[in-house]
Amino acid sequence: MKISYWGHSCFLVESGGVKILFDPFITPNPLASEIKADTIEADYIFISHGHQDHTYDALAIARRTGATVVGVWEIAEWAAANGIEKVHPMNIGGKWNFEFGKVQMVQAVHSSSFPDGSYAGYAAGFVMQIADKTFYYAGDTALYSDMKYIGEKYNLDFAFLPIGSNFTMDPEDALTAAAYVGTTKVIGMHYDTFPYIIVDHQAVVSQAVASGIDLTLMSVGQTLDI
């Protein structure tokens, strides 16, 4: 499995020839100025919620690539209304067997609206079982105790967790979330993009090490093999 980071909360996961893109926000992100959204390929685009910093490039990439947009009902309807032919609606707690593996949509404690202010349904995260890997993409969320359900149900290999604070969990709460979901390997997201969410990388990583967590802060454009 390959994981590429395109900034903010946008990751491309590649496994078995299938490309899965999460929350594409590239074009307006100054930290991703070297990344060109019109060169990114995707078979699926998973959208955690409707805010612009998670949806900005989604429609353009879906139109160009023919990717299937996956999100809560309201996000799937929004994509379809904007000309996306392939959508897959889900809702909190639901599961589906895709060609690449099994997905469960789980809740995220966060608001959700489209850029025009209209209702975008519930914010969500995803637990993905792909080949021999199981991971949790949390989306934008606060720490909440029901994360323990994920740890009880799944044997996670790693988790994508927000760490920027102000709008989501801070690093301390993210480390608690890692314990709740039962993983010691975390890839950080939703940090540094805006002044509100800038983090001290060295301090955050040191805090994680002290808690027994392997926290990776990827560079924009970096690819990992997991």
C-alpha atoms as a PDB file:
ATOM      1  CA  MET A   1       0.000   0.000   0.000  1.00  0.00           C
ATOM      2  CA  LYS A   2       1.264   3.460  -0.960  1.00  0.00           C
ATOM      3  CA  ILE A   3       0.167   6.658   0.739  1.00  0.00           C
ATOM      4  CA  SER A   4       0.811  10.053  -0.854  1.00  0.00           C
ATOM      5  CA  TYR A   5       0.163  13.325   0.953  1.00  0.00           C
ATOM      6  CA  TRP A   6      -1.190  16.291  -0.989  1.00  0.00           C
ATOM      7  CA  GLY A   7      -1.517  18.631   1.994  1.00  0.00           C
ATOM      8  CA  HIS A   8      -4.046  19.462   4.743  1.00  0.00           C
ATOM      9  CA  SER A   9      -6.199  16.296   5.012  1.00  0.00           C
ATOM     10  CA  CYS A  10      -5.768  15.077   1.448  1.00  0.00           C
ATOM     11  CA  PHE A  11      -4.195  11.653   0.968  1.00  0.00           C
ATOM     12  CA  LEU A  12      -4.050   9.257  -1.946  1.00  0.00           C
ATOM     13  CA  VAL A  13      -4.049   5.586  -0.951  1.00  0.00           C
ATOM     14  CA  GLU A  14      -3.027   3.119  -3.660  1.00  0.00           C
ATOM     15  CA  SER A  15      -3.578  -0.608  -3.282  1.00  0.00           C
ATOM     16  CA  GLY A  16      -4.036  -3.374  -5.829  1.00  0.00           C
ATOM     17  CA  GLY A  17      -4.114  -0.873  -8.673  1.00  0.00           C
ATOM     18  CA  VAL A  18      -6.981   1.132  -7.129  1.00  0.00           C
ATOM     19  CA  LYS A  19      -6.449   4.803  -6.264  1.00  0.00           C
ATOM     20  CA  ILE A  20      -8.487   6.176  -3.333  1.00  0.00           C
ATOM     21  CA  LEU A  21      -8.375   9.923  -2.712  1.00  0.00           C
ATOM     22  CA  PHE A  22      -9.505  11.541   0.543  1.00  0.00           C
ATOM     23  CA  ASP A  23     -10.771  15.117   0.991  1.00  0.00           C
ATOM     24  CA  PRO A  24      -9.092  16.898  -1.932  1.00  0.00           C
ATOM     25  CA  PHE A  25      -8.162  20.484  -1.020  1.00  0.00           C
ATOM     26  CA  ILE A  26      -5.134  21.313  -3.150  1.00  0.00           C
ATOM     27  CA  THR A  27      -5.560  24.288  -5.473  1.00  0.00           C
ATOM     28  CA  PRO A  28      -6.142  26.978  -2.784  1.00  0.00           C
ATOM     29  CA  ASN A  29      -3.609  25.496  -0.345  1.00  0.00           C
ATOM     30  CA  PRO A  30      -0.366  27.517  -0.446  1.00  0.00           C
ATOM     31  CA  LEU A  31       1.486  24.625   1.208  1.00  0.00           C
ATOM     32  CA  ALA A  32       0.556  22.430  -1.774  1.00  0.00           C
ATOM     33  CA  SER A  33       1.597  24.902  -4.471  1.00  0.00           C
ATOM     34  CA  GLU A  34       3.887  22.290  -6.054  1.00  0.00           C
ATOM     35  CA  ILE A  35       0.984  19.840  -6.433  1.00  0.00           C
ATOM     36  CA  LYS A  36      -1.247  20.134  -9.487  1.00  0.00           C
ATOM     37  CA  ALA A  37      -4.765  18.873  -8.876  1.00  0.00           C
ATOM     38  CA  ASP A  38      -5.306  18.313 -12.604  1.00  0.00           C
ATOM     39  CA  THR A  39      -2.597  15.628 -12.630  1.00  0.00           C
ATOM     40  CA  ILE A  40      -4.003  13.547  -9.769  1.00  0.00           C
ATOM     41  CA  GLU A  41      -5.673  10.287 -10.734  1.00  0.00           C
ATOM     42  CA  ALA A  42      -8.392   8.658  -8.636  1.00  0.00           C
ATOM     43  CA  ASP A  43     -10.828   5.768  -8.872  1.00  0.00           C
ATOM     44  CA  TYR A  44     -12.682   6.791  -5.702  1.00  0.00           C
ATOM     45  CA  ILE A  45     -12.941  10.083  -3.823  1.00  0.00           C
ATOM     46  CA  PHE A  46     -13.995   9.777  -0.182  1.00  0.00           C
ATOM     47  CA  ILE A  47     -15.310  13.004   1.313  1.00  0.00           C
ATOM     48  CA  SER A  48     -15.620  13.270   5.094  1.00  0.00           C
ATOM     49  CA  HIS A  49     -17.773  16.419   5.178  1.00  0.00           C
ATOM     50  CA  GLY A  50     -18.820  19.415   3.127  1.00  0.00           C
ATOM     51  CA  HIS A  51     -16.412  22.167   4.182  1.00  0.00           C
ATOM     52  CA  GLN A  52     -14.435  23.758   1.383  1.00  0.00           C
ATOM     53  CA  ASP A  53     -11.081  22.677   2.804  1.00  0.00           C
ATOM     54  CA  HIS A  54     -12.169  19.068   2.157  1.00  0.00           C
ATOM     55  CA  THR A  55     -14.129  19.388  -1.081  1.00  0.00           C
ATOM     56  CA  TYR A  56     -12.549  22.160  -3.165  1.00  0.00           C
ATOM     57  CA  ASP A  57     -11.006  19.982  -5.897  1.00  0.00           C
ATOM     58  CA  ALA A  58     -13.352  17.004  -5.557  1.00  0.00           C
ATOM     59  CA  LEU A  59     -15.748  17.788  -8.397  1.00  0.00           C
ATOM     60  CA  ALA A  60     -13.054  18.725 -10.913  1.00  0.00           C
ATOM     61  CA  ILE A  61     -11.033  15.586 -10.187  1.00  0.00           C
ATOM     62  CA  ALA A  62     -14.136  13.380 -10.322  1.00  0.00           C
ATOM     63  CA  ARG A  63     -15.216  14.857 -13.671  1.00  0.00           C
ATOM     64  CA  ARG A  64     -11.781  14.392 -15.209  1.00  0.00           C
ATOM     65  CA  THR A  65     -11.062  10.895 -13.887  1.00  0.00           C
ATOM     66  CA  GLY A  66     -14.534   9.386 -13.702  1.00  0.00           C
ATOM     67  CA  ALA A  67     -13.959   8.601 -10.032  1.00  0.00           C
ATOM     68  CA  THR A  68     -16.808   7.511  -7.778  1.00  0.00           C
ATOM     69  CA  VAL A  69     -17.560  10.084  -5.065  1.00  0.00           C
ATOM     70  CA  VAL A  70     -18.352   8.500  -1.697  1.00  0.00           C
ATOM     71  CA  GLY A  71     -19.864  10.404   1.229  1.00  0.00           C
ATOM     72  CA  VAL A  72     -23.006  10.804   3.287  1.00  0.00           C
ATOM     73  CA  TRP A  73     -26.265  11.035   1.348  1.00  0.00           C
ATOM     74  CA  GLU A  74     -26.174  14.827   1.138  1.00  0.00           C
ATOM     75  CA  ILE A  75     -22.639  14.872  -0.269  1.00  0.00           C
ATOM     76  CA  ALA A  76     -23.469  12.204  -2.847  1.00  0.00           C
ATOM     77  CA  GLU A  77     -26.558  14.201  -3.881  1.00  0.00           C
ATOM     78  CA  TRP A  78     -24.458  17.394  -4.106  1.00  0.00           C
ATOM     79  CA  ALA A  79     -21.938  15.648  -6.345  1.00  0.00           C
ATOM     80  CA  ALA A  80     -24.662  14.208  -8.569  1.00  0.00           C
ATOM     81  CA  ALA A  81     -26.363  17.615  -8.848  1.00  0.00           C
ATOM     82  CA  ASN A  82     -23.037  19.000 -10.047  1.00  0.00           C
ATOM     83  CA  GLY A  83     -22.748  16.505 -12.868  1.00  0.00           C
ATOM     84  CA  ILE A  84     -20.834  13.645 -11.246  1.00  0.00           C
ATOM     85  CA  GLU A  85     -22.169  10.439 -12.765  1.00  0.00           C
ATOM     86  CA  LYS A  86     -20.712   7.947 -10.290  1.00  0.00           C
ATOM     87  CA  VAL A  87     -21.608   8.489  -6.643  1.00  0.00           C
ATOM     88  CA  HIS A  88     -22.036   6.156  -3.685  1.00  0.00           C
ATOM     89  CA  PRO A  89     -24.083   7.489  -0.743  1.00  0.00           C
ATOM     90  CA  MET A  90     -23.519   6.107   2.752  1.00  0.00           C
ATOM     91  CA  ASN A  91     -24.472   7.105   6.270  1.00  0.00           C
ATOM     92  CA  ILE A  92     -23.121   6.742   9.788  1.00  0.00           C
ATOM     93  CA  GLY A  93     -22.658   3.113  10.809  1.00  0.00           C
ATOM     94  CA  GLY A  94     -23.223   1.793   7.298  1.00  0.00           C
ATOM     95  CA  LYS A  95     -20.868  -0.683   5.632  1.00  0.00           C
ATOM     96  CA  TRP A  96     -20.215  -1.524   2.003  1.00  0.00           C
ATOM     97  CA  ASN A  97     -18.029  -4.009   0.125  1.00  0.00           C
ATOM     98  CA  PHE A  98     -16.290  -2.062  -2.631  1.00  0.00           C
ATOM     99  CA  GLU A  99     -14.085  -3.644  -5.287  1.00  0.00           C
ATOM    100  CA  PHE A 100     -10.998  -2.782  -3.240  1.00  0.00           C
ATOM    101  CA  GLY A 101     -12.274  -3.821   0.204  1.00  0.00           C
ATOM    102  CA  LYS A 102     -14.788  -3.128   2.956  1.00  0.00           C
ATOM    103  CA  VAL A 103     -15.634   0.310   4.334  1.00  0.00           C
ATOM    104  CA  GLN A 104     -17.594   1.378   7.388  1.00  0.00           C
ATOM    105  CA  MET A 105     -18.649   4.986   7.768  1.00  0.00           C
ATOM    106  CA  VAL A 106     -18.333   6.186  11.359  1.00  0.00           C
ATOM    107  CA  GLN A 107     -19.257   9.455  12.994  1.00  0.00           C
ATOM    108  CA  ALA A 108     -17.050  12.498  13.341  1.00  0.00           C
ATOM    109  CA  VAL A 109     -17.888  15.165  15.903  1.00  0.00           C
ATOM    110  CA  HIS A 110     -17.770  18.256  13.716  1.00  0.00           C
ATOM    111  CA  SER A 111     -20.022  20.596  11.726  1.00  0.00           C
ATOM    112  CA  SER A 112     -20.656  20.188   8.004  1.00  0.00           C
ATOM    113  CA  SER A 113     -21.948  22.564   5.352  1.00  0.00           C
ATOM    114  CA  PHE A 114     -21.241  23.219   1.706  1.00  0.00           C
ATOM    115  CA  PRO A 115     -19.331  26.354   0.633  1.00  0.00           C
ATOM    116  CA  ASP A 116     -22.645  28.158  -0.021  1.00  0.00           C
ATOM    117  CA  GLY A 117     -23.727  27.481   3.574  1.00  0.00           C
ATOM    118  CA  SER A 118     -26.286  24.799   2.744  1.00  0.00           C
ATOM    119  CA  TYR A 119     -26.657  21.634   4.800  1.00  0.00           C
ATOM    120  CA  ALA A 120     -24.138  18.875   4.043  1.00  0.00           C
ATOM    121  CA  GLY A 121     -25.347  16.146   6.388  1.00  0.00           C
ATOM    122  CA  TYR A 122     -23.278  14.636   9.173  1.00  0.00           C
ATOM    123  CA  ALA A 123     -19.501  14.800   9.307  1.00  0.00           C
ATOM    124  CA  ALA A 124     -17.970  11.336   9.025  1.00  0.00           C
ATOM    125  CA  GLY A 125     -14.872   9.206   9.161  1.00  0.00           C
ATOM    126  CA  PHE A 126     -14.106   5.891   7.483  1.00  0.00           C
ATOM    127  CA  VAL A 127     -12.702   2.550   8.620  1.00  0.00           C
ATOM    128  CA  MET A 128     -11.152   0.890   5.577  1.00  0.00           C
ATOM    129  CA  GLN A 129     -10.244  -2.791   5.225  1.00  0.00           C
ATOM    130  CA  ILE A 130      -8.071  -3.031   2.116  1.00  0.00           C
ATOM    131  CA  ALA A 131      -6.055  -6.155   1.308  1.00  0.00           C
ATOM    132  CA  ASP A 132      -4.071  -6.910   4.464  1.00  0.00           C
ATOM    133  CA  LYS A 133      -4.378  -3.431   5.975  1.00  0.00           C
ATOM    134  CA  THR A 134      -7.073  -1.865   8.148  1.00  0.00           C
ATOM    135  CA  PHE A 135      -6.980   1.859   8.849  1.00  0.00           C
ATOM    136  CA  TYR A 136      -9.120   4.678  10.177  1.00  0.00           C
ATOM    137  CA  TYR A 137      -9.477   7.994   8.390  1.00  0.00           C
ATOM    138  CA  ALA A 138     -11.011  10.198  11.081  1.00  0.00           C
ATOM    139  CA  GLY A 139     -11.906  13.266   9.040  1.00  0.00           C
ATOM    140  CA  ASP A 140     -12.346  16.440  11.086  1.00  0.00           C
ATOM    141  CA  THR A 141     -13.367  15.431  14.576  1.00  0.00           C
ATOM    142  CA  ALA A 142     -13.139  16.097  18.261  1.00  0.00           C
ATOM    143  CA  LEU A 143     -12.135  13.327  20.623  1.00  0.00           C
ATOM    144  CA  TYR A 144     -15.182  11.295  21.616  1.00  0.00           C
ATOM    145  CA  SER A 145     -15.503   8.198  23.767  1.00  0.00           C
ATOM    146  CA  ASP A 146     -17.310   6.108  21.140  1.00  0.00           C
ATOM    147  CA  MET A 147     -14.014   5.879  19.273  1.00  0.00           C
ATOM    148  CA  LYS A 148     -13.434   2.961  21.626  1.00  0.00           C
ATOM    149  CA  TYR A 149     -15.936   1.008  19.497  1.00  0.00           C
ATOM    150  CA  ILE A 150     -13.479   1.165  16.594  1.00  0.00           C
ATOM    151  CA  GLY A 151     -10.720  -0.245  18.777  1.00  0.00           C
ATOM    152  CA  GLU A 152     -12.972  -3.030  20.014  1.00  0.00           C
ATOM    153  CA  LYS A 153     -14.231  -4.002  16.546  1.00  0.00           C
ATOM    154  CA  TYR A 154     -11.148  -3.571  14.382  1.00  0.00           C
ATOM    155  CA  ASN A 155      -7.454  -4.363  14.568  1.00  0.00           C
ATOM    156  CA  LEU A 156      -6.087  -1.149  13.067  1.00  0.00           C
ATOM    157  CA  ASP A 157      -2.701  -0.968  11.413  1.00  0.00           C
ATOM    158  CA  PHE A 158      -2.703   2.839  11.505  1.00  0.00           C
ATOM    159  CA  ALA A 159      -4.950   5.899  11.683  1.00  0.00           C
ATOM    160  CA  PHE A 160      -5.119   9.297  10.021  1.00  0.00           C
ATOM    161  CA  LEU A 161      -5.944  11.736  12.833  1.00  0.00           C
ATOM    162  CA  PRO A 162      -6.287  15.546  12.877  1.00  0.00           C
ATOM    163  CA  ILE A 163      -3.866  17.302  15.214  1.00  0.00           C
ATOM    164  CA  GLY A 164      -4.190  21.027  14.474  1.00  0.00           C
ATOM    165  CA  SER A 165      -6.570  21.960  17.318  1.00  0.00           C
ATOM    166  CA  ASN A 166      -8.962  24.954  17.193  1.00  0.00           C
ATOM    167  CA  PHE A 167     -11.264  23.230  14.659  1.00  0.00           C
ATOM    168  CA  THR A 168     -10.463  19.603  15.589  1.00  0.00           C
ATOM    169  CA  MET A 169      -8.563  17.549  18.136  1.00  0.00           C
ATOM    170  CA  ASP A 170      -5.241  18.865  19.359  1.00  0.00           C
ATOM    171  CA  PRO A 171      -2.167  16.596  19.571  1.00  0.00           C
ATOM    172  CA  GLU A 172      -2.930  15.569  23.156  1.00  0.00           C
ATOM    173  CA  ASP A 173      -6.465  14.491  22.285  1.00  0.00           C
ATOM    174  CA  ALA A 174      -5.236  12.775  19.120  1.00  0.00           C
ATOM    175  CA  LEU A 175      -2.898  10.634  21.217  1.00  0.00           C
ATOM    176  CA  THR A 176      -5.847   9.690  23.403  1.00  0.00           C
ATOM    177  CA  ALA A 177      -7.834   8.918  20.254  1.00  0.00           C
ATOM    178  CA  ALA A 178      -5.045   6.601  19.101  1.00  0.00           C
ATOM    179  CA  ALA A 179      -5.358   4.710  22.386  1.00  0.00           C
ATOM    180  CA  TYR A 180      -9.146   4.550  22.016  1.00  0.00           C
ATOM    181  CA  VAL A 181      -9.004   3.100  18.489  1.00  0.00           C
ATOM    182  CA  GLY A 182      -6.185   0.752  19.410  1.00  0.00           C
ATOM    183  CA  THR A 183      -3.258   1.791  17.255  1.00  0.00           C
ATOM    184  CA  THR A 184       0.264   3.014  17.952  1.00  0.00           C
ATOM    185  CA  LYS A 185       0.846   4.270  14.404  1.00  0.00           C
ATOM    186  CA  VAL A 186      -0.675   7.638  13.485  1.00  0.00           C
ATOM    187  CA  ILE A 187      -0.376   9.842  10.412  1.00  0.00           C
ATOM    188  CA  GLY A 188      -1.187  13.435  11.321  1.00  0.00           C
ATOM    189  CA  MET A 189      -3.443  15.668   9.255  1.00  0.00           C
ATOM    190  CA  HIS A 190      -5.327  18.981   9.336  1.00  0.00           C
ATOM    191  CA  TYR A 191      -2.427  21.084  10.596  1.00  0.00           C
ATOM    192  CA  ASP A 192      -0.268  24.037   9.430  1.00  0.00           C
ATOM    193  CA  THR A 193      -2.554  25.031   6.521  1.00  0.00           C
ATOM    194  CA  PHE A 194      -4.013  28.080   8.288  1.00  0.00           C
ATOM    195  CA  PRO A 195      -2.665  30.280  11.118  1.00  0.00           C
ATOM    196  CA  TYR A 196      -5.230  28.781  13.514  1.00  0.00           C
ATOM    197  CA  ILE A 197      -3.808  25.258  13.144  1.00  0.00           C
ATOM    198  CA  ILE A 198      -0.038  25.678  13.010  1.00  0.00           C
ATOM    199  CA  VAL A 199       1.747  23.142  15.217  1.00  0.00           C
ATOM    200  CA  ASP A 200       5.273  22.782  16.584  1.00  0.00           C
ATOM    201  CA  HIS A 201       6.396  19.619  14.783  1.00  0.00           C
ATOM    202  CA  GLN A 202       9.237  18.760  17.122  1.00  0.00           C
ATOM    203  CA  ALA A 203       7.112  19.235  20.239  1.00  0.00           C
ATOM    204  CA  VAL A 204       4.228  17.197  18.817  1.00  0.00           C
ATOM    205  CA  VAL A 205       6.446  14.300  17.779  1.00  0.00           C
ATOM    206  CA  SER A 206       8.229  14.333  21.157  1.00  0.00           C
ATOM    207  CA  GLN A 207       4.859  14.232  22.914  1.00  0.00           C
ATOM    208  CA  ALA A 208       3.858  11.257  20.793  1.00  0.00           C
ATOM    209  CA  VAL A 209       7.090   9.390  21.499  1.00  0.00           C
ATOM    210  CA  ALA A 210       6.578   9.911  25.228  1.00  0.00           C
ATOM    211  CA  SER A 211       3.128   8.346  24.846  1.00  0.00           C
ATOM    212  CA  GLY A 212       4.412   5.359  22.881  1.00  0.00           C
ATOM    213  CA  ILE A 213       2.858   6.543  19.613  1.00  0.00           C
ATOM    214  CA  ASP A 214       4.669   6.500  16.270  1.00  0.00           C
ATOM    215  CA  LEU A 215       3.425   9.798  14.798  1.00  0.00           C
ATOM    216  CA  THR A 216       4.303  10.598  11.196  1.00  0.00           C
ATOM    217  CA  LEU A 217       4.000  14.160   9.889  1.00  0.00           C
ATOM    218  CA  MET A 218       4.325  13.736   6.147  1.00  0.00           C
ATOM    219  CA  SER A 219       5.736  16.413   3.877  1.00  0.00           C
ATOM    220  CA  VAL A 220       3.444  17.616   1.110  1.00  0.00           C
ATOM    221  CA  GLY A 221       4.224  15.483  -1.938  1.00  0.00           C
ATOM    222  CA  GLN A 222       5.761  12.682   0.105  1.00  0.00           C
ATOM    223  CA  THR A 223       4.856   9.032  -0.546  1.00  0.00           C
ATOM    224  CA  LEU A 224       5.125   6.222   1.996  1.00  0.00           C
ATOM    225  CA  ASP A 225       5.033   2.461   1.548  1.00  0.00           C
ATOM    226  CA  ILE A 226       3.137   0.792   4.374  1.00  0.00           C
END
